[in-house]
């Protein structure tokens, strides 16, 4: 909403097509992505549909790339904490 208000102040009637385009971005991108793209554009003082669209594409790509990686908690390759404790206690006796 703030982006649209500032766009009207900066670009007057020329901003209406940009605002309509940004509203239509919500059909292709999640609202949170569009809002974040508008926020970033607002911070830069740029009120252009193409800039917001590029930003939304970039944010969506980042979000998809940063998916959570499931880590296994138990494996033959992972030592138990008690084993590390034994190792540390042995080392402390060596240094004394």
C-alpha atoms as a PDB file:
ATOM      1  CA  UNK A   1       0.000   0.000   0.000  1.00  0.00           C
ATOM      2  CA  UNK A   2       2.805   2.383   0.902  1.00  0.00           C
ATOM      3  CA  UNK A   3       4.581   1.568  -2.362  1.00  0.00           C
ATOM      4  CA  UNK A   4       1.476   2.486  -4.365  1.00  0.00           C
ATOM      5  CA  UNK A   5       1.001   5.725  -2.418  1.00  0.00           C
ATOM      6  CA  UNK A   6       4.604   6.776  -3.013  1.00  0.00           C
ATOM      7  CA  UNK A   7       4.369   5.763  -6.680  1.00  0.00           C
ATOM      8  CA  UNK A   8       1.406   8.112  -7.158  1.00  0.00           C
ATOM      9  CA  UNK A   9       3.306  10.933  -5.447  1.00  0.00           C
ATOM     10  CA  UNK A  10       6.435  10.358  -7.542  1.00  0.00           C
ATOM     11  CA  UNK A  11       4.945   9.485 -10.932  1.00  0.00           C
ATOM     12  CA  UNK A  12       1.384  10.850 -10.828  1.00  0.00           C
ATOM     13  CA  UNK A  13      -0.906   9.274 -13.447  1.00  0.00           C
ATOM     14  CA  UNK A  14       1.946   7.277 -14.952  1.00  0.00           C
ATOM     15  CA  UNK A  15       1.994   5.182 -11.804  1.00  0.00           C
ATOM     16  CA  UNK A  16      -1.463   3.634 -12.326  1.00  0.00           C
ATOM     17  CA  UNK A  17      -0.273   1.058 -14.854  1.00  0.00           C
ATOM     18  CA  UNK A  18       2.666   0.155 -12.626  1.00  0.00           C
ATOM     19  CA  UNK A  19       0.335  -0.262  -9.645  1.00  0.00           C
ATOM     20  CA  UNK A  20      -2.040  -2.448 -11.670  1.00  0.00           C
ATOM     21  CA  UNK A  21       0.898  -4.566 -12.785  1.00  0.00           C
ATOM     22  CA  UNK A  22       2.144  -5.008  -9.228  1.00  0.00           C
ATOM     23  CA  UNK A  23      -1.358  -5.982  -8.077  1.00  0.00           C
ATOM     24  CA  UNK A  24      -1.430  -8.621 -10.823  1.00  0.00           C
ATOM     25  CA  UNK A  25       1.895 -10.020  -9.599  1.00  0.00           C
ATOM     26  CA  UNK A  26      -0.044 -11.457  -6.665  1.00  0.00           C
ATOM     27  CA  UNK A  27      -1.589 -13.929  -9.118  1.00  0.00           C
ATOM     28  CA  UNK A  28       1.818 -15.447  -9.865  1.00  0.00           C
ATOM     29  CA  UNK A  29       3.739 -14.893  -6.632  1.00  0.00           C
ATOM     30  CA  UNK A  30       2.862 -15.334  -2.957  1.00  0.00           C
ATOM     31  CA  UNK A  31       1.713 -12.138  -1.255  1.00  0.00           C
ATOM     32  CA  UNK A  32       4.709 -12.153   1.078  1.00  0.00           C
ATOM     33  CA  UNK A  33       7.073 -12.123  -1.928  1.00  0.00           C
ATOM     34  CA  UNK A  34       5.225  -9.249  -3.631  1.00  0.00           C
ATOM     35  CA  UNK A  35       5.116  -7.268  -0.386  1.00  0.00           C
ATOM     36  CA  UNK A  36       8.815  -7.796   0.226  1.00  0.00           C
ATOM     37  CA  UNK A  37       9.647  -6.793  -3.359  1.00  0.00           C
ATOM     38  CA  UNK A  38       7.577  -3.613  -2.947  1.00  0.00           C
ATOM     39  CA  UNK A  39       9.273  -2.882   0.377  1.00  0.00           C
ATOM     40  CA  UNK A  40      12.717  -3.205  -1.196  1.00  0.00           C
ATOM     41  CA  UNK A  41      11.707  -1.061  -4.145  1.00  0.00           C
ATOM     42  CA  UNK A  42      10.291   1.539  -1.754  1.00  0.00           C
ATOM     43  CA  UNK A  43      13.556   1.604   0.212  1.00  0.00           C
ATOM     44  CA  UNK A  44      15.438   2.286  -3.037  1.00  0.00           C
ATOM     45  CA  UNK A  45      12.919   4.941  -4.099  1.00  0.00           C
ATOM     46  CA  UNK A  46      12.133   3.095  -7.334  1.00  0.00           C
ATOM     47  CA  UNK A  47       8.475   2.908  -8.373  1.00  0.00           C
ATOM     48  CA  UNK A  48       8.610   0.813 -11.510  1.00  0.00           C
ATOM     49  CA  UNK A  49       6.652  -2.381 -12.228  1.00  0.00           C
ATOM     50  CA  UNK A  50       9.575  -4.111 -13.926  1.00  0.00           C
ATOM     51  CA  UNK A  51      11.864  -3.521 -10.958  1.00  0.00           C
ATOM     52  CA  UNK A  52       9.283  -4.963  -8.542  1.00  0.00           C
ATOM     53  CA  UNK A  53       8.713  -7.943 -10.849  1.00  0.00           C
ATOM     54  CA  UNK A  54      12.450  -8.681 -11.114  1.00  0.00           C
ATOM     55  CA  UNK A  55      12.769  -8.375  -7.352  1.00  0.00           C
ATOM     56  CA  UNK A  56       9.841 -10.773  -6.828  1.00  0.00           C
ATOM     57  CA  UNK A  57      11.414 -13.300  -9.220  1.00  0.00           C
ATOM     58  CA  UNK A  58      14.713 -13.046  -7.370  1.00  0.00           C
ATOM     59  CA  UNK A  59      13.090 -13.431  -3.949  1.00  0.00           C
ATOM     60  CA  UNK A  60      11.097 -16.450  -5.084  1.00  0.00           C
ATOM     61  CA  UNK A  61      14.225 -18.089  -6.493  1.00  0.00           C
ATOM     62  CA  UNK A  62      16.036 -17.474  -3.195  1.00  0.00           C
ATOM     63  CA  UNK A  63      13.143 -18.925  -1.236  1.00  0.00           C
ATOM     64  CA  UNK A  64      13.063 -22.046  -3.389  1.00  0.00           C
ATOM     65  CA  UNK A  65      16.843 -22.435  -3.165  1.00  0.00           C
ATOM     66  CA  UNK A  66      16.881 -22.089   0.611  1.00  0.00           C
ATOM     67  CA  UNK A  67      14.673 -25.064   1.308  1.00  0.00           C
ATOM     68  CA  UNK A  68      15.354 -26.845   4.519  1.00  0.00           C
ATOM     69  CA  UNK A  69      17.788 -29.734   4.325  1.00  0.00           C
ATOM     70  CA  UNK A  70      16.803 -32.640   6.544  1.00  0.00           C
ATOM     71  CA  UNK A  71      19.688 -33.820   8.717  1.00  0.00           C
ATOM     72  CA  UNK A  72      19.787 -37.290  10.148  1.00  0.00           C
ATOM     73  CA  UNK A  73      20.247 -37.479  13.896  1.00  0.00           C
ATOM     74  CA  UNK A  74      21.570 -41.010  14.137  1.00  0.00           C
ATOM     75  CA  UNK A  75      24.103 -42.744  11.952  1.00  0.00           C
ATOM     76  CA  UNK A  76      27.140 -44.996  12.205  1.00  0.00           C
ATOM     77  CA  UNK A  77      29.170 -41.978  11.165  1.00  0.00           C
ATOM     78  CA  UNK A  78      27.963 -39.806  14.060  1.00  0.00           C
ATOM     79  CA  UNK A  79      29.500 -40.364  17.495  1.00  0.00           C
ATOM     80  CA  UNK A  80      27.458 -40.238  20.654  1.00  0.00           C
ATOM     81  CA  UNK A  81      28.145 -37.328  23.021  1.00  0.00           C
ATOM     82  CA  UNK A  82      29.427 -39.800  25.622  1.00  0.00           C
ATOM     83  CA  UNK A  83      32.193 -40.865  23.220  1.00  0.00           C
ATOM     84  CA  UNK A  84      33.321 -37.244  22.857  1.00  0.00           C
ATOM     85  CA  UNK A  85      33.310 -36.953  26.638  1.00  0.00           C
ATOM     86  CA  UNK A  86      35.619 -39.993  26.892  1.00  0.00           C
ATOM     87  CA  UNK A  87      37.965 -38.487  24.315  1.00  0.00           C
ATOM     88  CA  UNK A  88      38.064 -35.169  26.155  1.00  0.00           C
ATOM     89  CA  UNK A  89      38.669 -36.782  29.511  1.00  0.00           C
ATOM     90  CA  UNK A  90      41.584 -38.797  28.047  1.00  0.00           C
ATOM     91  CA  UNK A  91      43.098 -35.616  26.576  1.00  0.00           C
ATOM     92  CA  UNK A  92      42.868 -33.810  29.882  1.00  0.00           C
ATOM     93  CA  UNK A  93      44.844 -36.607  31.571  1.00  0.00           C
ATOM     94  CA  UNK A  94      47.531 -36.400  28.869  1.00  0.00           C
ATOM     95  CA  UNK A  95      48.073 -32.696  29.377  1.00  0.00           C
ATOM     96  CA  UNK A  96      48.454 -32.992  33.183  1.00  0.00           C
END
